[in-house]
Every structure is written in C-alpha cells, then in structure tokens.
Amino acid sequence: MTALNTYVFGGGSAESTPTVLAIHGLTGHGRRWEPLARHLSGVRIVAPDLIGHGSSPWRPPWSIEHHVRALSAVLDAHVPDGRPVVVGHSFGGALALHLATHRPDAVKGLVLLDPAQGLDPEFALQVATDSLDNWDYANADAARAAKRAEGWADVPDDILEAELAEHLIPRPHGRVGWRVSAPAAAASWSEMARPAVLPPPGVPTHIVVADQVQPPFVRPAFLEACASERGDDVTVHHVDCAHMVPFLEPELSASLIRSLL
C-alpha cells in the first residue's frame, strides 16, 4: 500500500471537527488547498499528495484503482470514524467519484470542481504529448509565464508565487520543473480517457463546471447521465471562469462544502 504525504489544515480532531478530504488535480499537490482552507474556518481539511506528485512516492502503478486504494488508506488514517465530505478538482474529481463508488458508506457528500473524466482519447493523447514535449522550463520566470498561459491568468499573484516556491524544483541541465513524475502525469491522461462514472446513488453531489474551459473537461454526456440517473442527488453549478476553480471561486467552493458538512 502506498502511503501518501498528507497535509492537514485547520485545528481539531476527526471526532470533534467537520472534516473534508481534498483531492488535488493532475500536476498539483496537497498544499494547493491551503488558500481554500482560509474560507473554511472550523473545518479540518485533509489534503494528500497523490501518487507521483509532491512528496508522495512516485513509483508506479499510477492507475485510478491504485490512487483510490491510497486515498482510502488516508481516510482510514485521518478520518477513522467519520464520513467526510470529499472535494476533488479536475483529475481529483474523477478520483473522488471512484473513491465514493469504492466506499460509498465512508463519504458524506461530493463537491466536484471541474472534474475531468470521460475525455476524448484523441484530446487526451494530444495534451499528454504536448505536456511531455514542454515538461520543464529555462527558469522560474518561464514557469510563471507558462502557468499564466495555462488557465492561471486570473489566479491571484500570491497563490501563484506560493506555487512556485512550493512546487518548482531543479531539473537536469540547469532547468526547472514541477515536483511531479512526468510518466505518472502522462499515464493520468490515459486514466481520464476511461469512461466516466456517476456518483453513487444517495450521495449528495455538487458539480461545478468552469465554462471558460474549451473543450470542456465536464462532458455533456456525464451531466445528462447525472440528471437522468441521479436526479435530485446531483446539483450542477456553472461558473464563468477558467479551470482553477478552487482559486478562482473560493467562496462558492467553500459554501458548497459547508452545505454538505
């Protein structure tokens, strides 16, 4: 079993404090949830680095099933007797759905922030290939500019600078890159091209769709299936922003989490 490096934001214990399991997206890390934690006073946020990311082990396998097993172990270690709300961004939203399917009795509700699953395979191949072709940067300024061009244009400066300080590391030949395994990242695009899964029946779920993302990560067929097969269990929210919903819509994200605690 892969033990994930895990951050905990907010005080209190699992027994006395409402708890959220927060799952970051591809090429991210658990500390990305710290800014959202400032909008959730009185809430305990458990935020692991996924396999292949941050300070968690990078060794394979990198399948959704192995991510879910590692996340399930985080639940057992940090929320042994509780039922947390699970929030997931992007690939983390897909993992949140698979975790809830694997352990529906351990999940109180889901908040999915522009979840990425059921992607077109040709699109996934293109993005995975492009990311590997442009995996590192000449320096921190180039990394900063790349982030601004990749959906971070409206992310506050202090959050972007914290990302550079936390997540940018030296690479060979004097270059820099993110603290992420390139093979794991490429494999994750394949996992996001697998068929989408629905929330388990009876699990209240909020889905936030970032309408500026084109082509959308939240596929219309997924939303249609949620409406027809899950009914009132699922509520969809459209926001006029880019993909980094936790940074761009923190108040909405926090309010949806609180609604399920």
Protein backbone atom coordinates (compact mmCIF):
# COMPACT_ATOMS: atom_id res chain seq x y z
CA MET A 1 0.00 0.00 0.00
CA THR A 2 1.37 3.43 -1.00
CA ALA A 3 1.40 5.85 1.95
CA LEU A 4 0.66 9.38 0.74
CA ASN A 5 2.29 12.52 2.10
CA THR A 6 -0.69 14.32 3.68
CA TYR A 7 -1.29 17.86 4.92
CA VAL A 8 -3.93 18.76 7.48
CA PHE A 9 -5.29 22.31 7.59
CA GLY A 10 -7.45 23.59 10.42
CA GLY A 11 -7.45 22.52 14.03
CA GLY A 12 -9.42 19.95 15.94
CA SER A 13 -9.75 16.20 15.61
CA ALA A 14 -11.74 13.95 13.32
CA GLU A 15 -14.04 13.17 16.24
CA SER A 16 -14.88 16.80 17.07
CA THR A 17 -14.40 18.77 13.84
CA PRO A 18 -16.16 18.51 10.45
CA THR A 19 -13.63 17.03 8.05
CA VAL A 20 -13.04 17.36 4.31
CA LEU A 21 -10.86 15.08 2.21
CA ALA A 22 -9.46 17.31 -0.56
CA ILE A 23 -8.01 15.72 -3.71
CA HIS A 24 -5.89 17.90 -6.00
CA GLY A 25 -5.70 17.67 -9.78
CA LEU A 26 -3.05 16.45 -12.17
CA THR A 27 0.41 18.06 -11.61
CA GLY A 28 -0.85 19.55 -8.33
CA HIS A 29 -0.15 18.85 -4.65
CA GLY A 30 -1.98 18.81 -1.34
CA ARG A 31 -0.80 22.23 -0.21
CA ARG A 32 -2.83 23.80 -3.01
CA TRP A 33 -5.85 23.50 -0.71
CA GLU A 34 -4.38 25.84 1.91
CA PRO A 35 -5.90 29.02 0.38
CA LEU A 36 -9.37 27.44 0.34
CA ALA A 37 -8.91 26.41 3.98
CA ARG A 38 -8.92 30.12 4.88
CA HIS A 39 -12.55 30.23 3.72
CA LEU A 40 -13.48 27.21 5.86
CA SER A 41 -12.82 28.18 9.46
CA GLY A 42 -13.85 25.47 11.89
CA VAL A 43 -13.33 22.80 9.24
CA ARG A 44 -10.49 20.28 9.13
CA ILE A 45 -9.07 19.66 5.64
CA VAL A 46 -7.07 16.51 4.94
CA ALA A 47 -5.12 17.04 1.72
CA PRO A 48 -2.77 14.33 0.41
CA ASP A 49 -0.25 14.50 -2.42
CA LEU A 50 -1.34 11.93 -4.99
CA ILE A 51 0.96 9.12 -6.14
CA GLY A 52 3.57 10.61 -8.46
CA HIS A 53 3.04 14.11 -7.06
CA GLY A 54 4.73 16.31 -4.49
CA SER A 55 6.34 14.42 -1.63
CA SER A 56 4.35 11.20 -2.05
CA PRO A 57 6.07 8.17 -3.62
CA TRP A 58 6.44 8.43 -7.40
CA ARG A 59 6.77 4.72 -8.20
CA PRO A 60 4.03 3.03 -10.28
CA PRO A 61 1.36 1.75 -10.65
CA TRP A 62 -0.49 5.01 -11.39
CA SER A 63 -3.94 3.63 -12.19
CA ILE A 64 -7.16 5.06 -10.78
CA GLU A 65 -7.53 1.89 -8.70
CA HIS A 66 -4.13 2.40 -7.06
CA HIS A 67 -4.90 6.08 -6.39
CA VAL A 68 -8.19 5.04 -4.77
CA ARG A 69 -6.50 2.47 -2.53
CA ALA A 70 -4.00 5.07 -1.37
CA LEU A 71 -6.76 7.63 -0.75
CA SER A 72 -8.80 5.02 1.12
CA ALA A 73 -5.81 4.49 3.42
CA VAL A 74 -5.70 8.26 4.03
CA LEU A 75 -9.37 8.10 5.06
CA ASP A 76 -8.67 5.28 7.48
CA ALA A 77 -5.67 7.08 8.97
CA HIS A 78 -7.12 10.59 9.28
CA VAL A 79 -10.91 10.09 9.47
CA PRO A 80 -11.23 6.63 11.05
CA ASP A 81 -14.72 7.04 12.47
CA GLY A 82 -16.14 9.86 10.37
CA ARG A 83 -17.76 10.42 6.99
CA PRO A 84 -16.02 13.35 5.36
CA VAL A 85 -17.16 15.48 2.50
CA VAL A 86 -14.82 14.73 -0.40
CA VAL A 87 -13.85 17.62 -2.66
CA GLY A 88 -11.91 16.98 -5.85
CA HIS A 89 -10.55 19.27 -8.54
CA SER A 90 -10.02 18.13 -12.14
CA PHE A 91 -8.43 14.63 -12.08
CA GLY A 92 -9.06 14.76 -8.33
CA GLY A 93 -12.77 14.99 -9.12
CA ALA A 94 -12.57 11.76 -11.09
CA LEU A 95 -10.72 10.12 -8.21
CA ALA A 96 -13.32 11.41 -5.74
CA LEU A 97 -16.04 9.71 -7.79
CA HIS A 98 -14.15 6.42 -7.91
CA LEU A 99 -13.39 6.64 -4.17
CA ALA A 100 -17.07 7.23 -3.40
CA THR A 101 -18.00 4.27 -5.62
CA HIS A 102 -15.44 2.11 -3.81
CA ARG A 103 -16.53 3.25 -0.34
CA PRO A 104 -19.96 4.91 -0.55
CA ASP A 105 -20.66 4.45 3.16
CA ALA A 106 -17.50 6.41 4.04
CA VAL A 107 -18.38 9.52 2.01
CA LYS A 108 -20.89 12.08 3.26
CA GLY A 109 -21.04 14.04 0.03
CA LEU A 110 -19.07 15.12 -3.03
CA VAL A 111 -18.01 18.54 -4.31
CA LEU A 112 -16.52 18.15 -7.79
CA LEU A 113 -14.72 21.23 -9.10
CA ASP A 114 -14.49 20.98 -12.90
CA PRO A 115 -13.94 17.21 -12.70
CA ALA A 116 -12.00 15.65 -15.59
CA GLN A 117 -13.13 12.20 -16.73
CA GLY A 118 -14.53 10.53 -19.81
CA LEU A 119 -12.26 12.67 -22.00
CA ASP A 120 -11.95 12.18 -25.74
CA PRO A 121 -8.94 9.85 -26.25
CA GLU A 122 -7.51 11.94 -29.09
CA PHE A 123 -7.65 15.05 -26.91
CA ALA A 124 -6.04 13.18 -24.01
CA LEU A 125 -3.25 11.95 -26.29
CA GLN A 126 -2.62 15.44 -27.63
CA VAL A 127 -2.44 17.06 -24.20
CA ALA A 128 -0.27 14.29 -22.73
CA THR A 129 2.13 14.52 -25.66
CA ASP A 130 2.30 18.33 -25.52
CA SER A 131 2.93 18.27 -21.77
CA LEU A 132 5.85 15.86 -22.15
CA ASP A 133 7.28 17.93 -25.01
CA ASN A 134 7.21 21.00 -22.75
CA TRP A 135 7.83 19.38 -19.38
CA ASP A 136 10.43 21.77 -17.94
CA TYR A 137 11.48 25.42 -18.20
CA ALA A 138 14.59 27.51 -18.52
CA ASN A 139 13.91 29.29 -15.21
CA ALA A 140 11.23 30.33 -12.73
CA ASP A 141 10.12 33.27 -14.90
CA ALA A 142 9.39 30.88 -17.77
CA ALA A 143 7.49 28.56 -15.42
CA ARG A 144 5.46 31.51 -14.13
CA ALA A 145 4.60 32.61 -17.68
CA ALA A 146 3.57 29.06 -18.61
CA LYS A 147 1.19 28.86 -15.65
CA ARG A 148 -0.39 32.18 -16.63
CA ALA A 149 -0.96 30.79 -20.13
CA GLU A 150 -2.46 27.52 -18.86
CA GLY A 151 -5.58 28.66 -17.04
CA TRP A 152 -3.87 30.60 -14.24
CA ALA A 153 -4.27 34.03 -15.85
CA ASP A 154 -6.69 35.23 -13.16
CA VAL A 155 -5.24 33.34 -10.19
CA PRO A 156 -4.09 35.84 -7.51
CA ASP A 157 -0.39 36.67 -7.55
CA ASP A 158 0.25 35.44 -4.01
CA ILE A 159 -1.14 31.99 -4.84
CA LEU A 160 0.98 31.71 -7.98
CA GLU A 161 4.13 32.78 -6.10
CA ALA A 162 3.38 30.22 -3.37
CA GLU A 163 3.04 27.58 -6.10
CA LEU A 164 6.47 28.46 -7.48
CA ALA A 165 8.05 28.37 -4.02
CA GLU A 166 6.43 25.07 -3.02
CA HIS A 167 6.31 23.08 -6.22
CA LEU A 168 9.12 24.15 -8.56
CA ILE A 169 12.32 22.08 -8.31
CA PRO A 170 15.63 21.85 -10.19
CA ARG A 171 15.73 19.67 -13.29
CA PRO A 172 18.69 18.39 -15.33
CA HIS A 173 20.80 20.77 -17.43
CA GLY A 174 20.08 23.77 -15.22
CA ARG A 175 16.34 23.79 -15.92
CA VAL A 176 13.37 23.72 -13.52
CA GLY A 177 10.07 21.83 -13.40
CA TRP A 178 7.17 20.91 -11.16
CA ARG A 179 7.55 18.34 -8.39
CA VAL A 180 5.65 15.73 -10.41
CA SER A 181 6.57 12.48 -12.16
CA ALA A 182 6.28 13.02 -15.92
CA PRO A 183 5.44 9.35 -16.61
CA ALA A 184 2.73 9.43 -13.92
CA ALA A 185 1.26 12.58 -15.42
CA ALA A 186 1.19 11.07 -18.91
CA ALA A 187 -0.46 7.91 -17.56
CA SER A 188 -3.09 10.01 -15.81
CA TRP A 189 -4.30 11.46 -19.11
CA SER A 190 -4.97 7.88 -20.19
CA GLU A 191 -6.93 7.29 -16.98
CA MET A 192 -9.04 10.42 -17.61
CA ALA A 193 -9.98 8.97 -21.02
CA ARG A 194 -11.67 6.00 -19.33
CA PRO A 195 -15.49 6.04 -19.29
CA ALA A 196 -16.95 8.47 -16.76
CA VAL A 197 -18.54 7.14 -13.59
CA LEU A 198 -21.55 8.63 -11.81
CA PRO A 199 -21.79 9.47 -8.12
CA PRO A 200 -23.15 6.57 -6.08
CA PRO A 201 -26.93 6.69 -5.59
CA GLY A 202 -27.90 8.63 -2.49
CA VAL A 203 -24.62 10.57 -2.18
CA PRO A 204 -25.38 14.31 -2.42
CA THR A 205 -23.12 15.83 -5.05
CA HIS A 206 -22.32 19.33 -6.29
CA ILE A 207 -20.65 19.64 -9.70
CA VAL A 208 -19.06 22.97 -10.64
CA VAL A 209 -18.47 23.48 -14.37
CA ALA A 210 -15.86 26.05 -15.43
CA ASP A 211 -17.48 27.43 -18.58
CA GLN A 212 -14.31 29.05 -19.95
CA VAL A 213 -12.66 25.63 -20.42
CA GLN A 214 -12.87 24.54 -24.06
CA PRO A 215 -13.19 21.74 -24.87
CA PRO A 216 -14.88 21.19 -21.51
CA PHE A 217 -13.48 18.71 -19.01
CA VAL A 218 -17.02 18.12 -17.75
CA ARG A 219 -18.53 16.32 -20.71
CA PRO A 220 -22.20 16.93 -21.61
CA ALA A 221 -22.92 13.19 -21.60
CA PHE A 222 -21.82 12.98 -17.96
CA LEU A 223 -24.13 15.82 -16.93
CA GLU A 224 -27.01 14.28 -18.88
CA ALA A 225 -26.46 10.93 -17.19
CA CYS A 226 -26.36 12.59 -13.76
CA ALA A 227 -29.65 14.36 -14.48
CA SER A 228 -31.41 11.25 -15.75
CA GLU A 229 -29.99 8.67 -13.34
CA ARG A 230 -29.23 10.56 -10.12
CA GLY A 231 -31.94 13.24 -10.12
CA ASP A 232 -32.02 15.41 -7.03
CA ASP A 233 -28.81 13.87 -5.65
CA VAL A 234 -26.76 15.99 -8.09
CA THR A 235 -26.75 19.78 -8.43
CA VAL A 236 -24.80 21.44 -11.26
CA HIS A 237 -23.34 24.94 -10.99
CA HIS A 238 -21.92 26.82 -13.98
CA VAL A 239 -19.28 29.50 -13.33
CA ASP A 240 -17.67 31.92 -15.77
CA CYS A 241 -14.04 31.12 -15.01
CA ALA A 242 -11.07 29.05 -16.13
CA HIS A 243 -10.13 25.62 -14.81
CA MET A 244 -8.55 26.52 -11.45
CA VAL A 245 -11.90 26.70 -9.67
CA PRO A 246 -10.57 26.36 -6.08
CA PHE A 247 -8.50 29.54 -6.60
CA LEU A 248 -10.94 31.45 -8.80
CA GLU A 249 -14.22 30.64 -6.99
CA PRO A 250 -13.14 30.00 -3.38
CA GLU A 251 -16.29 31.40 -1.77
CA LEU A 252 -18.58 29.26 -3.92
CA SER A 253 -16.38 26.21 -3.35
CA ALA A 254 -16.42 26.78 0.42
CA SER A 255 -20.19 27.35 0.52
CA LEU A 256 -20.87 24.10 -1.36
CA ILE A 257 -18.60 22.19 1.00
CA ARG A 258 -20.31 23.71 4.04
CA SER A 259 -23.73 22.80 2.62
CA LEU A 260 -22.79 19.10 2.88
CA LEU A 261 -21.00 19.10 6.26
